[in-house]
Amino acid sequence: MPRPLLAILGATGAQGGSLARAALADPQRRFDVRALTRHPDSPAARTLAQAGAEVVAAELDDDASLARAFAGAHGVFALTNFWEHFSPEKELAQAANIAKAAKEAAVRHLVWSTLEDTREFMPLDDTRMPTLLGRYKVPHLDAKGEANALFTAAGVPTTLLYLSFYWDNLIHFGMGPQRLPSGELAFALPIGEAPLPGIAAEDIGACTFSLFVRGDAALGRSVGIAGEHLTLAQMAAALGRMVGEPVLPYAMPPTEYARLGFPGADDLANMFQFKRDFNDAFCARRPVADTRALHPALMGFDAWLDRHGHRIAVPPRG
């Protein structure tokens, strides 16, 4: 009997790539892997092909390419990337394309990588947080949360997967410790004293793979994952142990973070404020014990630092 096929969007990125590697490394090889990417000739795509994946070109804005990509698939891992275009409307349109293609392909299990629609917690006229782009509080969260209903409306058997802060952001997006004029290191996030659920990007794939293995038992469920819930001070202390000198925690006000000026700074400032102000609900949706049940080898922050901390660009002493 042929193995069921997983079609994985974003297979050369952090989420999809970690799932593809987890499925390909499965000793039981319970699924075949179709790695979907806009760049099938990229080094990452070639590496997946060498590991046994079928690499197929797919575009979220192209219905025909999604139809080809999902043909014959038992499962689909679906995601969108706000940071490529900064348009929540484009994310919603892409999610609608995915839902339509999955329904037409009779996909039996779709896992949708999502986040909270913060407008369910804070209406647009709430002045505690600025409204962005006219109809969002946190555009890159709100669009994903709003898109949840598209899969239900299309009748696609779906698991909603709620993610946490990637610790890998400390490597790739300049969120690591910075050197102050005084010479001290500081780690700044606009999270106040609230714990921040975080996870290693590579563990996302193993958790997602477990959802596909569980099959019908995971359908219709909302599943949140995290490797650990840590305060800013706890993260700074762990970073200090890694670098061998103290790292000061700085709970930057969201308004100050929004003024940093990089693309999406206002969106991220609102995101961290949401996680701070609605922390109990945000953390409760991401229980570490349940995540470890999905993936017993789940890493905590210290373990992630032991494996990847050397890749964080820490400014040298002056």
C-alpha atoms as a PDB file:
ATOM      1  CA  MET A   1       0.000   0.000   0.000  1.00  0.00           C
ATOM      2  CA  PRO A   2       1.313   3.475  -0.819  1.00  0.00           C
ATOM      3  CA  ARG A   3       2.031   5.740   2.120  1.00  0.00           C
ATOM      4  CA  PRO A   4      -0.255   8.735   2.662  1.00  0.00           C
ATOM      5  CA  LEU A   5       1.202  11.958   1.302  1.00  0.00           C
ATOM      6  CA  LEU A   6       1.856  15.164   3.228  1.00  0.00           C
ATOM      7  CA  ALA A   7       1.939  18.333   1.110  1.00  0.00           C
ATOM      8  CA  ILE A   8       3.902  20.940   3.048  1.00  0.00           C
ATOM      9  CA  LEU A   9       3.680  24.623   2.172  1.00  0.00           C
ATOM     10  CA  GLY A  10       6.725  26.736   2.998  1.00  0.00           C
ATOM     11  CA  ALA A  11       8.866  23.606   3.018  1.00  0.00           C
ATOM     12  CA  THR A  12      12.111  25.560   2.757  1.00  0.00           C
ATOM     13  CA  GLY A  13      11.181  27.889   5.636  1.00  0.00           C
ATOM     14  CA  ALA A  14      11.308  27.521   9.405  1.00  0.00           C
ATOM     15  CA  GLN A  15       7.932  25.889  10.024  1.00  0.00           C
ATOM     16  CA  GLY A  16       7.438  23.852   6.880  1.00  0.00           C
ATOM     17  CA  GLY A  17      11.096  22.904   6.737  1.00  0.00           C
ATOM     18  CA  SER A  18      11.077  21.534  10.263  1.00  0.00           C
ATOM     19  CA  LEU A  19       7.960  19.470   9.470  1.00  0.00           C
ATOM     20  CA  ALA A  20       9.458  18.123   6.254  1.00  0.00           C
ATOM     21  CA  ARG A  21      12.621  17.073   8.078  1.00  0.00           C
ATOM     22  CA  ALA A  22      10.616  15.461  10.889  1.00  0.00           C
ATOM     23  CA  ALA A  23       8.517  13.447   8.434  1.00  0.00           C
ATOM     24  CA  LEU A  24      11.544  12.391   6.394  1.00  0.00           C
ATOM     25  CA  ALA A  25      13.427  11.364   9.554  1.00  0.00           C
ATOM     26  CA  ASP A  26      10.533   9.277  10.885  1.00  0.00           C
ATOM     27  CA  PRO A  27      11.955   5.757  11.396  1.00  0.00           C
ATOM     28  CA  GLN A  28       8.590   4.291  10.415  1.00  0.00           C
ATOM     29  CA  ARG A  29       8.267   6.517   7.306  1.00  0.00           C
ATOM     30  CA  ARG A  30       4.518   6.820   7.872  1.00  0.00           C
ATOM     31  CA  PHE A  31       4.127   9.570   5.271  1.00  0.00           C
ATOM     32  CA  ASP A  32       5.602  10.505   1.932  1.00  0.00           C
ATOM     33  CA  VAL A  33       6.591  14.160   1.691  1.00  0.00           C
ATOM     34  CA  ARG A  34       5.776  16.654  -1.031  1.00  0.00           C
ATOM     35  CA  ALA A  35       7.772  19.809  -0.319  1.00  0.00           C
ATOM     36  CA  LEU A  36       6.018  22.874  -1.732  1.00  0.00           C
ATOM     37  CA  THR A  37       8.083  25.954  -2.437  1.00  0.00           C
ATOM     38  CA  ARG A  38       8.285  28.923  -4.768  1.00  0.00           C
ATOM     39  CA  HIS A  39      11.956  28.116  -5.336  1.00  0.00           C
ATOM     40  CA  PRO A  40      12.313  24.412  -6.192  1.00  0.00           C
ATOM     41  CA  ASP A  41      15.901  24.937  -7.364  1.00  0.00           C
ATOM     42  CA  SER A  42      17.090  26.493  -4.090  1.00  0.00           C
ATOM     43  CA  PRO A  43      19.756  24.758  -1.986  1.00  0.00           C
ATOM     44  CA  ALA A  44      17.188  24.051   0.748  1.00  0.00           C
ATOM     45  CA  ALA A  45      14.832  22.440  -1.765  1.00  0.00           C
ATOM     46  CA  ARG A  46      17.631  20.334  -3.235  1.00  0.00           C
ATOM     47  CA  THR A  47      18.557  19.143   0.258  1.00  0.00           C
ATOM     48  CA  LEU A  48      14.969  18.016   0.861  1.00  0.00           C
ATOM     49  CA  ALA A  49      14.925  16.230  -2.493  1.00  0.00           C
ATOM     50  CA  GLN A  50      18.125  14.402  -1.603  1.00  0.00           C
ATOM     51  CA  ALA A  51      16.490  13.315   1.672  1.00  0.00           C
ATOM     52  CA  GLY A  52      13.587  11.777  -0.222  1.00  0.00           C
ATOM     53  CA  ALA A  53      11.017  14.546  -0.659  1.00  0.00           C
ATOM     54  CA  GLU A  54       9.141  15.261  -3.857  1.00  0.00           C
ATOM     55  CA  VAL A  55       9.789  18.963  -4.497  1.00  0.00           C
ATOM     56  CA  VAL A  56       6.986  20.843  -6.256  1.00  0.00           C
ATOM     57  CA  ALA A  57       6.636  24.519  -7.153  1.00  0.00           C
ATOM     58  CA  ALA A  58       3.612  26.234  -5.618  1.00  0.00           C
ATOM     59  CA  GLU A  59       2.371  29.815  -5.282  1.00  0.00           C
ATOM     60  CA  LEU A  60      -0.256  30.857  -2.761  1.00  0.00           C
ATOM     61  CA  ASP A  61      -1.640  33.398  -5.242  1.00  0.00           C
ATOM     62  CA  ASP A  62      -1.980  30.807  -8.034  1.00  0.00           C
ATOM     63  CA  ASP A  63      -5.019  28.523  -7.707  1.00  0.00           C
ATOM     64  CA  ALA A  64      -3.792  26.186 -10.429  1.00  0.00           C
ATOM     65  CA  SER A  65      -0.446  25.638  -8.750  1.00  0.00           C
ATOM     66  CA  LEU A  66      -2.158  24.846  -5.436  1.00  0.00           C
ATOM     67  CA  ALA A  67      -4.459  22.367  -7.164  1.00  0.00           C
ATOM     68  CA  ARG A  68      -1.423  20.563  -8.603  1.00  0.00           C
ATOM     69  CA  ALA A  69       0.413  20.753  -5.279  1.00  0.00           C
ATOM     70  CA  PHE A  70      -2.448  19.226  -3.269  1.00  0.00           C
ATOM     71  CA  ALA A  71      -3.485  16.567  -5.783  1.00  0.00           C
ATOM     72  CA  GLY A  72      -3.480  13.172  -4.092  1.00  0.00           C
ATOM     73  CA  ALA A  73      -2.448  14.576  -0.713  1.00  0.00           C
ATOM     74  CA  HIS A  74      -3.806  13.037   2.475  1.00  0.00           C
ATOM     75  CA  GLY A  75      -2.585  15.955   4.602  1.00  0.00           C
ATOM     76  CA  VAL A  76      -1.616  19.582   4.040  1.00  0.00           C
ATOM     77  CA  PHE A  77       0.417  21.865   6.255  1.00  0.00           C
ATOM     78  CA  ALA A  78      -0.752  25.403   5.522  1.00  0.00           C
ATOM     79  CA  LEU A  79       0.697  28.773   6.410  1.00  0.00           C
ATOM     80  CA  THR A  80       1.064  32.310   5.098  1.00  0.00           C
ATOM     81  CA  ASN A  81       3.889  34.785   5.576  1.00  0.00           C
ATOM     82  CA  PHE A  82       2.770  38.307   6.454  1.00  0.00           C
ATOM     83  CA  TRP A  83       6.359  39.555   6.573  1.00  0.00           C
ATOM     84  CA  GLU A  84       6.849  39.065   2.844  1.00  0.00           C
ATOM     85  CA  HIS A  85       4.268  41.721   1.935  1.00  0.00           C
ATOM     86  CA  PHE A  86       2.856  43.299   5.165  1.00  0.00           C
ATOM     87  CA  SER A  87      -0.699  42.913   3.861  1.00  0.00           C
ATOM     88  CA  PRO A  88      -3.313  41.187   6.041  1.00  0.00           C
ATOM     89  CA  GLU A  89      -5.744  41.302   3.115  1.00  0.00           C
ATOM     90  CA  LYS A  90      -3.252  39.343   1.016  1.00  0.00           C
ATOM     91  CA  GLU A  91      -2.911  36.794   3.817  1.00  0.00           C
ATOM     92  CA  LEU A  92      -6.672  36.346   3.943  1.00  0.00           C
ATOM     93  CA  ALA A  93      -6.865  35.910   0.174  1.00  0.00           C
ATOM     94  CA  GLN A  94      -4.068  33.345   0.256  1.00  0.00           C
ATOM     95  CA  ALA A  95      -5.727  31.427   3.096  1.00  0.00           C
ATOM     96  CA  ALA A  96      -8.955  31.365   1.060  1.00  0.00           C
ATOM     97  CA  ASN A  97      -7.010  29.953  -1.904  1.00  0.00           C
ATOM     98  CA  ILE A  98      -5.528  27.235   0.313  1.00  0.00           C
ATOM     99  CA  ALA A  99      -8.924  26.300   1.756  1.00  0.00           C
ATOM    100  CA  LYS A 100     -10.522  26.120  -1.693  1.00  0.00           C
ATOM    101  CA  ALA A 101      -7.719  23.987  -3.128  1.00  0.00           C
ATOM    102  CA  ALA A 102      -7.717  21.659  -0.106  1.00  0.00           C
ATOM    103  CA  LYS A 103     -11.463  21.130  -0.379  1.00  0.00           C
ATOM    104  CA  GLU A 104     -11.285  20.419  -4.097  1.00  0.00           C
ATOM    105  CA  ALA A 105      -8.429  17.954  -3.532  1.00  0.00           C
ATOM    106  CA  ALA A 106     -10.458  16.156  -0.812  1.00  0.00           C
ATOM    107  CA  VAL A 107      -7.627  16.615   1.677  1.00  0.00           C
ATOM    108  CA  ARG A 108      -8.408  14.580   4.793  1.00  0.00           C
ATOM    109  CA  HIS A 109      -6.336  16.567   7.323  1.00  0.00           C
ATOM    110  CA  LEU A 110      -5.106  20.143   7.119  1.00  0.00           C
ATOM    111  CA  VAL A 111      -3.027  21.777   9.849  1.00  0.00           C
ATOM    112  CA  TRP A 112      -3.338  25.580   9.704  1.00  0.00           C
ATOM    113  CA  SER A 113      -0.559  27.579  11.372  1.00  0.00           C
ATOM    114  CA  THR A 114      -2.441  30.370  13.079  1.00  0.00           C
ATOM    115  CA  LEU A 115      -2.490  32.987  15.849  1.00  0.00           C
ATOM    116  CA  GLU A 116      -5.106  34.850  17.854  1.00  0.00           C
ATOM    117  CA  ASP A 117      -7.377  37.454  16.308  1.00  0.00           C
ATOM    118  CA  THR A 118      -6.646  40.117  18.919  1.00  0.00           C
ATOM    119  CA  ARG A 119      -9.841  42.006  18.055  1.00  0.00           C
ATOM    120  CA  GLU A 120     -11.720  39.307  19.939  1.00  0.00           C
ATOM    121  CA  PHE A 121      -9.941  40.565  23.068  1.00  0.00           C
ATOM    122  CA  MET A 122      -9.670  44.281  22.311  1.00  0.00           C
ATOM    123  CA  PRO A 123     -12.108  46.150  20.031  1.00  0.00           C
ATOM    124  CA  LEU A 124     -10.776  48.580  17.472  1.00  0.00           C
ATOM    125  CA  ASP A 125     -12.047  51.605  19.415  1.00  0.00           C
ATOM    126  CA  ASP A 126     -10.052  50.586  22.521  1.00  0.00           C
ATOM    127  CA  THR A 127      -7.503  53.384  22.944  1.00  0.00           C
ATOM    128  CA  ARG A 128      -5.071  51.296  25.018  1.00  0.00           C
ATOM    129  CA  MET A 129      -3.553  50.087  21.761  1.00  0.00           C
ATOM    130  CA  PRO A 130      -3.368  51.946  18.440  1.00  0.00           C
ATOM    131  CA  THR A 131      -5.428  50.613  15.545  1.00  0.00           C
ATOM    132  CA  LEU A 132      -3.296  49.808  12.495  1.00  0.00           C
ATOM    133  CA  LEU A 133      -4.199  49.814   8.804  1.00  0.00           C
ATOM    134  CA  GLY A 134      -7.701  50.952   9.663  1.00  0.00           C
ATOM    135  CA  ARG A 135      -9.135  47.635  10.863  1.00  0.00           C
ATOM    136  CA  TYR A 136      -6.529  45.710  12.850  1.00  0.00           C
ATOM    137  CA  LYS A 137      -4.851  45.824  16.228  1.00  0.00           C
ATOM    138  CA  VAL A 138      -2.085  43.352  15.354  1.00  0.00           C
ATOM    139  CA  PRO A 139      -2.310  42.796  11.595  1.00  0.00           C
ATOM    140  CA  HIS A 140      -0.110  39.714  11.361  1.00  0.00           C
ATOM    141  CA  LEU A 141      -2.045  37.994  14.158  1.00  0.00           C
ATOM    142  CA  ASP A 142      -5.517  39.211  13.320  1.00  0.00           C
ATOM    143  CA  ALA A 143      -5.494  38.051   9.700  1.00  0.00           C
ATOM    144  CA  LYS A 144      -4.416  34.526  10.635  1.00  0.00           C
ATOM    145  CA  GLY A 145      -7.066  34.327  13.340  1.00  0.00           C
ATOM    146  CA  GLU A 146      -9.730  35.681  11.007  1.00  0.00           C
ATOM    147  CA  ALA A 147      -8.714  33.109   8.401  1.00  0.00           C
ATOM    148  CA  ASN A 148      -9.539  30.212  10.750  1.00  0.00           C
ATOM    149  CA  ALA A 149     -13.183  30.472   9.723  1.00  0.00           C
ATOM    150  CA  LEU A 150     -12.315  30.063   6.036  1.00  0.00           C
ATOM    151  CA  PHE A 151     -11.296  26.442   6.544  1.00  0.00           C
ATOM    152  CA  THR A 152     -14.433  25.661   8.541  1.00  0.00           C
ATOM    153  CA  ALA A 153     -16.623  27.337   5.922  1.00  0.00           C
ATOM    154  CA  ALA A 154     -14.939  25.341   3.159  1.00  0.00           C
ATOM    155  CA  GLY A 155     -15.557  22.082   5.024  1.00  0.00           C
ATOM    156  CA  VAL A 156     -11.864  21.185   5.241  1.00  0.00           C
ATOM    157  CA  PRO A 157     -10.988  18.809   8.138  1.00  0.00           C
ATOM    158  CA  THR A 158      -8.637  21.079  10.071  1.00  0.00           C
ATOM    159  CA  THR A 159      -6.440  21.328  13.146  1.00  0.00           C
ATOM    160  CA  LEU A 160      -5.662  24.885  14.260  1.00  0.00           C
ATOM    161  CA  LEU A 161      -2.034  25.130  15.405  1.00  0.00           C
ATOM    162  CA  TYR A 162      -1.280  28.152  17.604  1.00  0.00           C
ATOM    163  CA  LEU A 163       2.434  28.951  17.670  1.00  0.00           C
ATOM    164  CA  SER A 164       4.678  30.788  20.128  1.00  0.00           C
ATOM    165  CA  PHE A 165       7.591  33.213  19.862  1.00  0.00           C
ATOM    166  CA  TYR A 166      10.476  31.584  17.982  1.00  0.00           C
ATOM    167  CA  TRP A 167      13.660  31.663  20.024  1.00  0.00           C
ATOM    168  CA  ASP A 168      15.335  31.559  16.607  1.00  0.00           C
ATOM    169  CA  ASN A 169      14.307  35.231  16.231  1.00  0.00           C
ATOM    170  CA  LEU A 170      17.275  36.002  18.473  1.00  0.00           C
ATOM    171  CA  ILE A 171      19.486  34.739  15.656  1.00  0.00           C
ATOM    172  CA  HIS A 172      17.768  35.954  12.518  1.00  0.00           C
ATOM    173  CA  PHE A 173      16.016  39.230  13.349  1.00  0.00           C
ATOM    174  CA  GLY A 174      18.408  41.142  15.574  1.00  0.00           C
ATOM    175  CA  MET A 175      16.385  40.512  18.735  1.00  0.00           C
ATOM    176  CA  GLY A 176      19.388  39.316  20.737  1.00  0.00           C
ATOM    177  CA  PRO A 177      21.269  41.245  23.438  1.00  0.00           C
ATOM    178  CA  GLN A 178      22.560  44.698  22.515  1.00  0.00           C
ATOM    179  CA  ARG A 179      25.549  46.584  23.920  1.00  0.00           C
ATOM    180  CA  LEU A 180      24.656  49.778  25.802  1.00  0.00           C
ATOM    181  CA  PRO A 181      26.844  52.914  25.720  1.00  0.00           C
ATOM    182  CA  SER A 182      27.851  51.972  29.266  1.00  0.00           C
ATOM    183  CA  GLY A 183      29.329  48.736  27.937  1.00  0.00           C
ATOM    184  CA  GLU A 184      26.697  46.516  29.538  1.00  0.00           C
ATOM    185  CA  LEU A 185      24.578  44.062  27.588  1.00  0.00           C
ATOM    186  CA  ALA A 186      20.804  44.479  27.610  1.00  0.00           C
ATOM    187  CA  PHE A 187      17.964  42.332  26.293  1.00  0.00           C
ATOM    188  CA  ALA A 188      14.882  44.362  25.409  1.00  0.00           C
ATOM    189  CA  LEU A 189      11.332  43.280  24.655  1.00  0.00           C
ATOM    190  CA  PRO A 190       8.061  45.177  25.267  1.00  0.00           C
ATOM    191  CA  ILE A 191       6.584  42.358  27.348  1.00  0.00           C
ATOM    192  CA  GLY A 192       6.734  43.853  30.836  1.00  0.00           C
ATOM    193  CA  GLU A 193       7.042  41.196  33.552  1.00  0.00           C
ATOM    194  CA  ALA A 194       4.699  38.730  31.852  1.00  0.00           C
ATOM    195  CA  PRO A 195       5.962  35.276  30.832  1.00  0.00           C
ATOM    196  CA  LEU A 196       6.441  34.818  27.092  1.00  0.00           C
ATOM    197  CA  PRO A 197       5.697  31.385  25.590  1.00  0.00           C
ATOM    198  CA  GLY A 198       8.564  30.458  23.294  1.00  0.00           C
ATOM    199  CA  ILE A 199       9.674  27.495  21.226  1.00  0.00           C
ATOM    200  CA  ALA A 200      12.535  26.239  19.089  1.00  0.00           C
ATOM    201  CA  ALA A 201      11.593  26.413  15.415  1.00  0.00           C
ATOM    202  CA  GLU A 202      12.806  22.861  14.887  1.00  0.00           C
ATOM    203  CA  ASP A 203      10.377  21.583  17.536  1.00  0.00           C
ATOM    204  CA  ILE A 204       7.414  23.022  15.634  1.00  0.00           C
ATOM    205  CA  GLY A 205       7.870  20.422  12.931  1.00  0.00           C
ATOM    206  CA  ALA A 206       8.008  17.499  15.356  1.00  0.00           C
ATOM    207  CA  CYS A 207       4.828  18.704  17.097  1.00  0.00           C
ATOM    208  CA  THR A 208       3.046  19.175  13.779  1.00  0.00           C
ATOM    209  CA  PHE A 209       4.131  15.745  12.581  1.00  0.00           C
ATOM    210  CA  SER A 210       2.628  14.263  15.745  1.00  0.00           C
ATOM    211  CA  LEU A 211      -0.702  15.925  14.906  1.00  0.00           C
ATOM    212  CA  PHE A 212      -0.714  14.279  11.488  1.00  0.00           C
ATOM    213  CA  VAL A 213       0.137  10.932  13.082  1.00  0.00           C
ATOM    214  CA  ARG A 214      -2.785  11.341  15.509  1.00  0.00           C
ATOM    215  CA  GLY A 215      -5.032  11.895  12.512  1.00  0.00           C
ATOM    216  CA  ASP A 216      -8.750  11.928  13.299  1.00  0.00           C
ATOM    217  CA  ALA A 217      -8.073  12.518  17.006  1.00  0.00           C
ATOM    218  CA  ALA A 218      -6.566  15.906  16.135  1.00  0.00           C
ATOM    219  CA  LEU A 219      -9.279  17.065  13.737  1.00  0.00           C
ATOM    220  CA  GLY A 220     -11.413  19.987  14.832  1.00  0.00           C
ATOM    221  CA  ARG A 221      -9.037  20.814  17.670  1.00  0.00           C
ATOM    222  CA  SER A 222      -7.146  23.997  18.532  1.00  0.00           C
ATOM    223  CA  VAL A 223      -3.637  23.094  19.694  1.00  0.00           C
ATOM    224  CA  GLY A 224      -1.151  25.590  21.104  1.00  0.00           C
ATOM    225  CA  ILE A 225       2.529  24.725  21.519  1.00  0.00           C
ATOM    226  CA  ALA A 226       5.398  26.138  23.568  1.00  0.00           C
ATOM    227  CA  GLY A 227       8.710  24.849  24.857  1.00  0.00           C
ATOM    228  CA  GLU A 228       8.737  27.083  27.923  1.00  0.00           C
ATOM    229  CA  HIS A 229       7.056  30.188  29.368  1.00  0.00           C
ATOM    230  CA  LEU A 230       9.761  32.621  30.517  1.00  0.00           C
ATOM    231  CA  THR A 231       9.822  36.200  31.718  1.00  0.00           C
ATOM    232  CA  LEU A 232      12.141  38.736  30.172  1.00  0.00           C
ATOM    233  CA  ALA A 233      14.318  38.565  33.292  1.00  0.00           C
ATOM    234  CA  GLN A 234      14.564  34.772  33.052  1.00  0.00           C
ATOM    235  CA  MET A 235      15.528  34.939  29.393  1.00  0.00           C
ATOM    236  CA  ALA A 236      18.122  37.637  30.098  1.00  0.00           C
ATOM    237  CA  ALA A 237      19.620  35.532  32.897  1.00  0.00           C
ATOM    238  CA  ALA A 238      19.890  32.522  30.584  1.00  0.00           C
ATOM    239  CA  LEU A 239      21.512  34.660  27.882  1.00  0.00           C
ATOM    240  CA  GLY A 240      23.938  35.985  30.484  1.00  0.00           C
ATOM    241  CA  ARG A 241      24.965  32.462  31.470  1.00  0.00           C
ATOM    242  CA  MET A 242      25.576  31.683  27.821  1.00  0.00           C
ATOM    243  CA  VAL A 243      27.726  34.726  27.033  1.00  0.00           C
ATOM    244  CA  GLY A 244      29.526  34.730  30.361  1.00  0.00           C
ATOM    245  CA  GLU A 245      28.539  38.232  31.471  1.00  0.00           C
ATOM    246  CA  PRO A 246      25.389  39.793  32.902  1.00  0.00           C
ATOM    247  CA  VAL A 247      22.570  40.658  30.483  1.00  0.00           C
ATOM    248  CA  LEU A 248      20.197  43.300  31.792  1.00  0.00           C
ATOM    249  CA  PRO A 249      16.470  42.844  31.080  1.00  0.00           C
ATOM    250  CA  TYR A 250      14.814  45.963  29.692  1.00  0.00           C
ATOM    251  CA  ALA A 251      11.021  45.925  29.516  1.00  0.00           C
ATOM    252  CA  MET A 252      10.811  48.500  26.761  1.00  0.00           C
ATOM    253  CA  PRO A 253       7.438  50.301  26.592  1.00  0.00           C
ATOM    254  CA  PRO A 254       5.480  49.267  23.483  1.00  0.00           C
ATOM    255  CA  THR A 255       5.274  52.905  22.361  1.00  0.00           C
ATOM    256  CA  GLU A 256       9.076  53.100  22.376  1.00  0.00           C
ATOM    257  CA  TYR A 257       9.374  49.809  20.508  1.00  0.00           C
ATOM    258  CA  ALA A 258       6.963  51.048  17.837  1.00  0.00           C
ATOM    259  CA  ARG A 259       9.255  54.035  17.229  1.00  0.00           C
ATOM    260  CA  LEU A 260      12.283  51.865  16.420  1.00  0.00           C
ATOM    261  CA  GLY A 261      11.418  52.426  12.782  1.00  0.00           C
ATOM    262  CA  PHE A 262      12.017  49.078  11.138  1.00  0.00           C
ATOM    263  CA  PRO A 263       9.224  47.694   8.909  1.00  0.00           C
ATOM    264  CA  GLY A 264       6.505  46.215  11.098  1.00  0.00           C
ATOM    265  CA  ALA A 265       7.768  47.749  14.361  1.00  0.00           C
ATOM    266  CA  ASP A 266       4.300  49.070  15.214  1.00  0.00           C
ATOM    267  CA  ASP A 267       2.755  45.652  14.512  1.00  0.00           C
ATOM    268  CA  LEU A 268       5.277  43.881  16.760  1.00  0.00           C
ATOM    269  CA  ALA A 269       4.890  46.482  19.501  1.00  0.00           C
ATOM    270  CA  ASN A 270       1.146  45.818  19.557  1.00  0.00           C
ATOM    271  CA  MET A 271       1.777  42.072  19.453  1.00  0.00           C
ATOM    272  CA  PHE A 272       3.958  42.117  22.545  1.00  0.00           C
ATOM    273  CA  GLN A 273       1.495  44.408  24.308  1.00  0.00           C
ATOM    274  CA  PHE A 274      -1.297  41.946  23.521  1.00  0.00           C
ATOM    275  CA  LYS A 275       0.752  39.067  24.927  1.00  0.00           C
ATOM    276  CA  ARG A 276       1.444  41.156  28.042  1.00  0.00           C
ATOM    277  CA  ASP A 277      -2.076  42.469  28.627  1.00  0.00           C
ATOM    278  CA  PHE A 278      -3.866  39.176  27.915  1.00  0.00           C
ATOM    279  CA  ASN A 279      -1.109  36.962  29.232  1.00  0.00           C
ATOM    280  CA  ASP A 280      -3.216  34.458  31.147  1.00  0.00           C
ATOM    281  CA  ALA A 281      -5.265  33.521  28.089  1.00  0.00           C
ATOM    282  CA  PHE A 282      -2.261  33.570  25.769  1.00  0.00           C
ATOM    283  CA  CYS A 283      -0.219  31.248  28.007  1.00  0.00           C
ATOM    284  CA  ALA A 284      -3.154  28.967  28.792  1.00  0.00           C
ATOM    285  CA  ARG A 285      -3.582  28.243  25.087  1.00  0.00           C
ATOM    286  CA  ARG A 286       0.035  27.021  24.917  1.00  0.00           C
ATOM    287  CA  PRO A 287       0.571  24.438  27.693  1.00  0.00           C
ATOM    288  CA  VAL A 288       4.105  23.090  27.843  1.00  0.00           C
ATOM    289  CA  ALA A 289       3.024  19.720  29.264  1.00  0.00           C
ATOM    290  CA  ASP A 290       0.672  19.097  26.337  1.00  0.00           C
ATOM    291  CA  THR A 291       3.377  20.172  23.896  1.00  0.00           C
ATOM    292  CA  ARG A 292       5.788  17.681  25.445  1.00  0.00           C
ATOM    293  CA  ALA A 293       3.127  14.988  25.055  1.00  0.00           C
ATOM    294  CA  LEU A 294       3.214  15.703  21.328  1.00  0.00           C
ATOM    295  CA  HIS A 295       7.024  15.807  21.247  1.00  0.00           C
ATOM    296  CA  PRO A 296       8.824  14.211  24.224  1.00  0.00           C
ATOM    297  CA  ALA A 297      12.210  15.593  23.108  1.00  0.00           C
ATOM    298  CA  LEU A 298      10.887  19.181  23.365  1.00  0.00           C
ATOM    299  CA  MET A 299      13.638  21.706  24.175  1.00  0.00           C
ATOM    300  CA  GLY A 300      13.518  24.381  26.832  1.00  0.00           C
ATOM    301  CA  PHE A 301      15.316  27.695  26.386  1.00  0.00           C
ATOM    302  CA  ASP A 302      18.562  26.544  28.042  1.00  0.00           C
ATOM    303  CA  ALA A 303      18.715  23.478  25.823  1.00  0.00           C
ATOM    304  CA  TRP A 304      18.054  25.622  22.755  1.00  0.00           C
ATOM    305  CA  LEU A 305      20.828  28.016  23.798  1.00  0.00           C
ATOM    306  CA  ASP A 306      23.224  25.092  24.281  1.00  0.00           C
ATOM    307  CA  ARG A 307      22.526  24.019  20.712  1.00  0.00           C
ATOM    308  CA  HIS A 308      22.145  27.348  18.917  1.00  0.00           C
ATOM    309  CA  GLY A 309      23.278  30.167  21.211  1.00  0.00           C
ATOM    310  CA  HIS A 310      26.642  30.479  19.432  1.00  0.00           C
ATOM    311  CA  ARG A 311      24.727  31.749  16.383  1.00  0.00           C
ATOM    312  CA  ILE A 312      23.335  34.786  18.237  1.00  0.00           C
ATOM    313  CA  ALA A 313      25.300  37.895  17.227  1.00  0.00           C
ATOM    314  CA  VAL A 314      26.378  39.369  20.584  1.00  0.00           C
ATOM    315  CA  PRO A 315      28.171  42.748  20.239  1.00  0.00           C
ATOM    316  CA  PRO A 316      31.735  42.539  21.580  1.00  0.00           C
ATOM    317  CA  ARG A 317      32.974  44.722  24.385  1.00  0.00           C
ATOM    318  CA  GLY A 318      34.183  48.106  23.200  1.00  0.00           C
END
